[in-house]
Amino acid sequence: MKFSFPNEAMKTVFSYLRRTRQTITYSEGTYSLVSGIPNSNDIEQASRDRAISIVENGSIEICGIQICPEWDTIRIRRRVEDHLRKSASPEDIIRIASYLGVKLK
């Protein structure tokens, strides 16, 4: 399964790096944060290589450093609901509900 890093998360990473005046670089087989101007190509490559990831608690991890973005959870929930209404079968919705721990009557 191909993983696509969410656009909102990418904006948050770019904003964080710009605010802290850092950029991400690849050297000797590892990614690291250094002083500089963020480069969107480097950020995208780092996200594809999992040097930038979303952690289970919702924070974003950049080279081992966790940042806690202010997610617009209402907007995200509405987009997920809209997508499910358009494309999910009843079986898919039941399976998702079961996974989330929703008890069905």
C-alpha atoms as a PDB file:
ATOM      1  CA  MET A   1       0.000   0.000   0.000  1.00  0.00           C
ATOM      2  CA  LYS A   2       1.407   3.377  -1.006  1.00  0.00           C
ATOM      3  CA  PHE A   3       1.511   5.928   1.791  1.00  0.00           C
ATOM      4  CA  SER A   4       0.746   9.560   1.079  1.00  0.00           C
ATOM      5  CA  PHE A   5       1.710  12.084   3.734  1.00  0.00           C
ATOM      6  CA  PRO A   6      -1.332  14.317   4.429  1.00  0.00           C
ATOM      7  CA  ASN A   7      -1.171  17.802   2.947  1.00  0.00           C
ATOM      8  CA  GLU A   8      -2.133  19.456   6.265  1.00  0.00           C
ATOM      9  CA  ALA A   9       0.684  17.628   8.042  1.00  0.00           C
ATOM     10  CA  MET A  10       3.127  18.688   5.336  1.00  0.00           C
ATOM     11  CA  LYS A  11       2.086  22.343   5.829  1.00  0.00           C
ATOM     12  CA  THR A  12       2.586  21.967   9.584  1.00  0.00           C
ATOM     13  CA  VAL A  13       6.086  20.511   9.103  1.00  0.00           C
ATOM     14  CA  PHE A  14       7.069  23.250   6.659  1.00  0.00           C
ATOM     15  CA  SER A  15       5.720  25.938   9.007  1.00  0.00           C
ATOM     16  CA  TYR A  16       7.589  24.469  11.996  1.00  0.00           C
ATOM     17  CA  LEU A  17      10.863  24.293  10.076  1.00  0.00           C
ATOM     18  CA  ARG A  18      10.461  27.838   8.780  1.00  0.00           C
ATOM     19  CA  ARG A  19       9.679  29.180  12.285  1.00  0.00           C
ATOM     20  CA  THR A  20      12.678  27.424  13.820  1.00  0.00           C
ATOM     21  CA  ARG A  21      14.919  28.319  10.847  1.00  0.00           C
ATOM     22  CA  GLN A  22      15.799  24.684  10.208  1.00  0.00           C
ATOM     23  CA  THR A  23      15.807  22.363   7.267  1.00  0.00           C
ATOM     24  CA  ILE A  24      16.063  18.619   6.916  1.00  0.00           C
ATOM     25  CA  THR A  25      19.049  17.089   5.135  1.00  0.00           C
ATOM     26  CA  TYR A  26      20.149  13.599   4.156  1.00  0.00           C
ATOM     27  CA  SER A  27      23.757  12.757   4.889  1.00  0.00           C
ATOM     28  CA  GLU A  28      25.594   9.472   5.408  1.00  0.00           C
ATOM     29  CA  GLY A  29      22.390   7.438   5.320  1.00  0.00           C
ATOM     30  CA  THR A  30      20.392   9.441   7.867  1.00  0.00           C
ATOM     31  CA  TYR A  31      18.192  12.500   7.968  1.00  0.00           C
ATOM     32  CA  SER A  32      18.926  15.322  10.368  1.00  0.00           C
ATOM     33  CA  LEU A  33      17.808  18.851  11.165  1.00  0.00           C
ATOM     34  CA  VAL A  34      20.267  21.653  10.468  1.00  0.00           C
ATOM     35  CA  SER A  35      20.080  25.438  10.319  1.00  0.00           C
ATOM     36  CA  GLY A  36      18.825  26.710   7.004  1.00  0.00           C
ATOM     37  CA  ILE A  37      15.838  27.424   4.798  1.00  0.00           C
ATOM     38  CA  PRO A  38      13.401  24.485   4.406  1.00  0.00           C
ATOM     39  CA  ASN A  39      13.304  22.858   0.984  1.00  0.00           C
ATOM     40  CA  SER A  40       9.957  21.320   0.027  1.00  0.00           C
ATOM     41  CA  ASN A  41      11.598  18.582  -2.081  1.00  0.00           C
ATOM     42  CA  ASP A  42      13.762  17.467   0.853  1.00  0.00           C
ATOM     43  CA  ILE A  43      10.732  17.494   3.173  1.00  0.00           C
ATOM     44  CA  GLU A  44       8.681  15.390   0.747  1.00  0.00           C
ATOM     45  CA  GLN A  45      11.524  12.890   0.314  1.00  0.00           C
ATOM     46  CA  ALA A  46      11.993  12.655   4.088  1.00  0.00           C
ATOM     47  CA  SER A  47       8.292  11.950   4.538  1.00  0.00           C
ATOM     48  CA  ARG A  48       8.453   9.198   1.889  1.00  0.00           C
ATOM     49  CA  ASP A  49      11.469   7.707   3.706  1.00  0.00           C
ATOM     50  CA  ARG A  50       9.594   7.924   7.054  1.00  0.00           C
ATOM     51  CA  ALA A  51      12.008  10.440   8.629  1.00  0.00           C
ATOM     52  CA  ILE A  52       8.869  12.529   9.107  1.00  0.00           C
ATOM     53  CA  SER A  53       5.835  10.666  10.406  1.00  0.00           C
ATOM     54  CA  ILE A  54       2.583  11.024  12.288  1.00  0.00           C
ATOM     55  CA  VAL A  55       2.724   9.338  15.695  1.00  0.00           C
ATOM     56  CA  GLU A  56      -0.248   7.504  17.242  1.00  0.00           C
ATOM     57  CA  ASN A  57      -1.006  10.355  19.646  1.00  0.00           C
ATOM     58  CA  GLY A  58      -1.473  12.731  16.682  1.00  0.00           C
ATOM     59  CA  SER A  59       1.818  14.569  16.933  1.00  0.00           C
ATOM     60  CA  ILE A  60       4.290  14.779  14.069  1.00  0.00           C
ATOM     61  CA  GLU A  61       7.784  13.388  14.497  1.00  0.00           C
ATOM     62  CA  ILE A  62      10.631  15.003  12.549  1.00  0.00           C
ATOM     63  CA  CYS A  63      13.953  13.192  12.919  1.00  0.00           C
ATOM     64  CA  GLY A  64      13.029  12.091  16.448  1.00  0.00           C
ATOM     65  CA  ILE A  65      11.623  15.458  17.557  1.00  0.00           C
ATOM     66  CA  GLN A  66       7.878  15.541  18.234  1.00  0.00           C
ATOM     67  CA  ILE A  67       5.812  18.608  17.464  1.00  0.00           C
ATOM     68  CA  CYS A  68       2.182  18.895  18.504  1.00  0.00           C
ATOM     69  CA  PRO A  69       0.191  20.575  15.759  1.00  0.00           C
ATOM     70  CA  GLU A  70      -3.232  22.066  16.314  1.00  0.00           C
ATOM     71  CA  TRP A  71      -5.261  19.786  14.059  1.00  0.00           C
ATOM     72  CA  ASP A  72      -8.626  21.017  12.826  1.00  0.00           C
ATOM     73  CA  THR A  73     -10.315  17.800  13.983  1.00  0.00           C
ATOM     74  CA  ILE A  74     -13.813  18.967  13.060  1.00  0.00           C
ATOM     75  CA  ARG A  75     -12.759  19.540   9.458  1.00  0.00           C
ATOM     76  CA  ILE A  76     -10.917  16.218   9.330  1.00  0.00           C
ATOM     77  CA  ARG A  77     -13.926  14.370  10.776  1.00  0.00           C
ATOM     78  CA  ARG A  78     -16.263  15.948   8.213  1.00  0.00           C
ATOM     79  CA  ARG A  79     -13.970  15.002   5.349  1.00  0.00           C
ATOM     80  CA  VAL A  80     -13.740  11.407   6.581  1.00  0.00           C
ATOM     81  CA  GLU A  81     -17.530  11.203   7.014  1.00  0.00           C
ATOM     82  CA  ASP A  82     -18.075  12.646   3.532  1.00  0.00           C
ATOM     83  CA  HIS A  83     -15.653  10.142   2.030  1.00  0.00           C
ATOM     84  CA  LEU A  84     -17.319   7.240   3.835  1.00  0.00           C
ATOM     85  CA  ARG A  85     -20.790   8.343   2.689  1.00  0.00           C
ATOM     86  CA  LYS A  86     -19.620   8.379  -0.915  1.00  0.00           C
ATOM     87  CA  SER A  87     -17.496   5.260  -1.091  1.00  0.00           C
ATOM     88  CA  ALA A  88     -17.875   2.885   1.881  1.00  0.00           C
ATOM     89  CA  SER A  89     -20.191  -0.090   1.844  1.00  0.00           C
ATOM     90  CA  PRO A  90     -22.293  -0.909   4.916  1.00  0.00           C
ATOM     91  CA  GLU A  91     -19.846  -3.731   5.682  1.00  0.00           C
ATOM     92  CA  ASP A  92     -16.935  -1.275   5.599  1.00  0.00           C
ATOM     93  CA  ILE A  93     -18.707   1.074   8.010  1.00  0.00           C
ATOM     94  CA  ILE A  94     -19.499  -1.795  10.405  1.00  0.00           C
ATOM     95  CA  ARG A  95     -15.875  -2.978  10.258  1.00  0.00           C
ATOM     96  CA  ILE A  96     -14.610   0.568  10.987  1.00  0.00           C
ATOM     97  CA  ALA A  97     -17.075   0.967  13.847  1.00  0.00           C
ATOM     98  CA  SER A  98     -15.932  -2.360  15.299  1.00  0.00           C
ATOM     99  CA  TYR A  99     -12.295  -1.299  15.007  1.00  0.00           C
ATOM    100  CA  LEU A 100     -13.068   1.974  16.829  1.00  0.00           C
ATOM    101  CA  GLY A 101     -14.830   0.133  19.619  1.00  0.00           C
ATOM    102  CA  VAL A 102     -18.350   1.310  18.804  1.00  0.00           C
ATOM    103  CA  LYS A 103     -20.910  -1.173  20.108  1.00  0.00           C
ATOM    104  CA  LEU A 104     -23.656  -1.908  17.617  1.00  0.00           C
ATOM    105  CA  LYS A 105     -27.164  -2.865  18.681  1.00  0.00           C
END
